[in-house]
Protein backbone atom coordinates (compact mmCIF):
# COMPACT_ATOMS: atom_id res chain seq x y z
CA MET A 1 -76.93 8.05 6.15
CA SER A 2 -74.16 8.86 4.16
CA ASN A 3 -74.73 10.56 0.52
CA PRO A 4 -72.55 8.58 -2.02
CA TYR A 5 -72.50 11.29 -4.24
CA ASN A 6 -70.80 13.70 -1.90
CA PRO A 7 -67.29 14.07 -3.31
CA ASN A 8 -65.73 15.34 -0.30
CA GLN A 9 -66.78 12.03 1.47
CA HIS A 10 -64.96 10.12 -0.89
CA MET A 11 -61.76 12.30 -0.84
CA ALA A 12 -61.22 11.07 2.58
CA PHE A 13 -60.64 7.62 1.51
CA PHE A 14 -57.98 8.54 -0.80
CA ASN A 15 -55.88 10.66 1.95
CA GLN A 16 -56.03 7.65 4.40
CA GLN A 17 -52.69 6.33 5.42
CA GLN A 18 -51.93 2.42 4.73
CA PRO A 19 -53.52 -0.08 7.01
CA ARG A 20 -51.34 -1.45 9.51
CA ASN A 21 -51.01 -5.10 8.23
CA PHE A 22 -49.97 -3.48 4.96
CA GLN A 23 -46.43 -2.64 6.53
CA GLN A 24 -46.01 -6.52 7.80
CA GLN A 25 -46.08 -7.57 3.92
CA PRO A 26 -42.18 -8.95 3.25
CA ASN A 27 -42.43 -7.73 -0.41
CA MET A 28 -41.31 -4.16 -0.31
CA GLY A 29 -41.43 -4.03 -4.19
CA GLN A 30 -45.15 -4.17 -3.98
CA HIS A 31 -45.14 -1.51 -1.49
CA SER A 32 -43.05 0.41 -3.94
CA MET A 33 -45.29 -0.17 -7.01
CA GLU A 34 -48.34 0.88 -5.14
CA GLN A 35 -46.83 4.31 -4.06
CA GLN A 36 -45.71 5.01 -7.53
CA VAL A 37 -49.10 4.15 -9.09
CA LEU A 38 -51.00 5.95 -6.32
CA SER A 39 -48.93 9.01 -6.89
CA ALA A 40 -49.28 9.08 -10.57
CA MET A 41 -52.94 8.75 -10.33
CA SER A 42 -53.29 11.47 -7.68
CA PRO A 43 -53.96 14.32 -10.23
CA VAL A 44 -56.39 12.04 -12.33
CA ILE A 45 -58.36 11.34 -8.92
CA ASN A 46 -58.27 14.86 -7.99
CA HIS A 47 -59.58 15.99 -11.36
CA GLY A 48 -62.27 13.63 -11.30
CA MET A 49 -63.49 14.60 -7.88
CA ARG A 50 -63.42 18.42 -8.93
CA GLU A 51 -65.49 17.38 -12.17
CA ALA A 52 -68.03 15.49 -10.19
CA GLN A 53 -69.01 18.36 -8.21
CA HIS A 54 -69.99 20.31 -11.41
CA LEU A 55 -70.70 17.63 -14.24
CA GLY A 56 -71.67 14.56 -12.31
CA TYR A 57 -69.92 11.39 -11.79
CA PRO A 58 -70.57 9.52 -14.96
CA HIS A 59 -68.99 12.24 -16.80
CA ALA A 60 -66.02 12.56 -14.20
CA LEU A 61 -65.35 8.91 -14.31
CA ARG A 62 -65.46 8.89 -18.16
CA GLU A 63 -62.90 11.57 -18.10
CA ALA A 64 -60.83 10.33 -15.26
CA ILE A 65 -60.57 6.70 -16.91
CA ALA A 66 -59.90 7.90 -20.14
CA ILE A 67 -56.89 10.43 -18.83
CA ALA A 68 -55.71 7.39 -17.06
CA TYR A 69 -55.96 5.09 -20.09
CA LEU A 70 -53.76 7.57 -22.11
CA MET A 71 -51.26 8.09 -19.28
CA GLY A 72 -50.96 4.24 -19.33
CA GLN A 73 -50.11 4.69 -22.86
CA GLY A 74 -47.08 6.76 -22.19
CA GLN A 75 -48.63 10.57 -21.96
CA ASP A 76 -47.89 12.75 -19.28
CA PHE A 77 -51.07 13.84 -16.98
CA HIS A 78 -51.39 17.35 -18.78
CA SER A 79 -51.20 16.06 -22.25
CA ALA A 80 -53.78 13.31 -21.44
CA TRP A 81 -55.87 15.96 -20.02
CA GLN A 82 -55.90 18.30 -22.61
CA MET A 83 -56.95 15.64 -25.20
CA VAL A 84 -59.57 14.50 -23.19
CA GLU A 85 -61.01 17.82 -22.44
CA SER A 86 -60.83 18.60 -26.10
CA TRP A 87 -63.29 15.59 -26.94
CA TRP A 88 -65.94 17.44 -25.12
CA ARG A 89 -65.26 20.96 -26.60
CA PRO A 90 -67.74 22.15 -29.22
CA GLN A 91 -66.63 21.11 -32.52
CA THR A 92 -66.54 23.19 -35.66
CA LEU A 93 -68.28 22.85 -38.78
CA GLN A 94 -65.07 21.24 -40.35
CA GLN A 95 -65.08 18.92 -37.38
CA PRO A 96 -68.88 17.59 -37.25
CA GLY A 97 -69.76 15.55 -34.12
CA THR A 98 -69.43 16.17 -30.29
CA PHE A 99 -69.67 14.28 -27.04
CA TYR A 100 -72.18 16.72 -25.42
């Protein structure tokens, strides 16, 4: 029986090649868009899978989705990652509240 919380098991899904019937589709623009989106999201997915090993899937998904959202708003991965990571860092007394 497979473990749904094993991150290595899920990484294989993202590393698979495209199904054979995908290449038979006439709209090559869709293929280009798919490759562009999957390529842009690769660092987000890799980050989420690493986070899941240490902090669990709920936290990792929140981070990955937040990063992807910010990237959709025009930020690059590194800037989006830094912003999201800052949300989980301990806050100073001048900035009360934290997401821990």
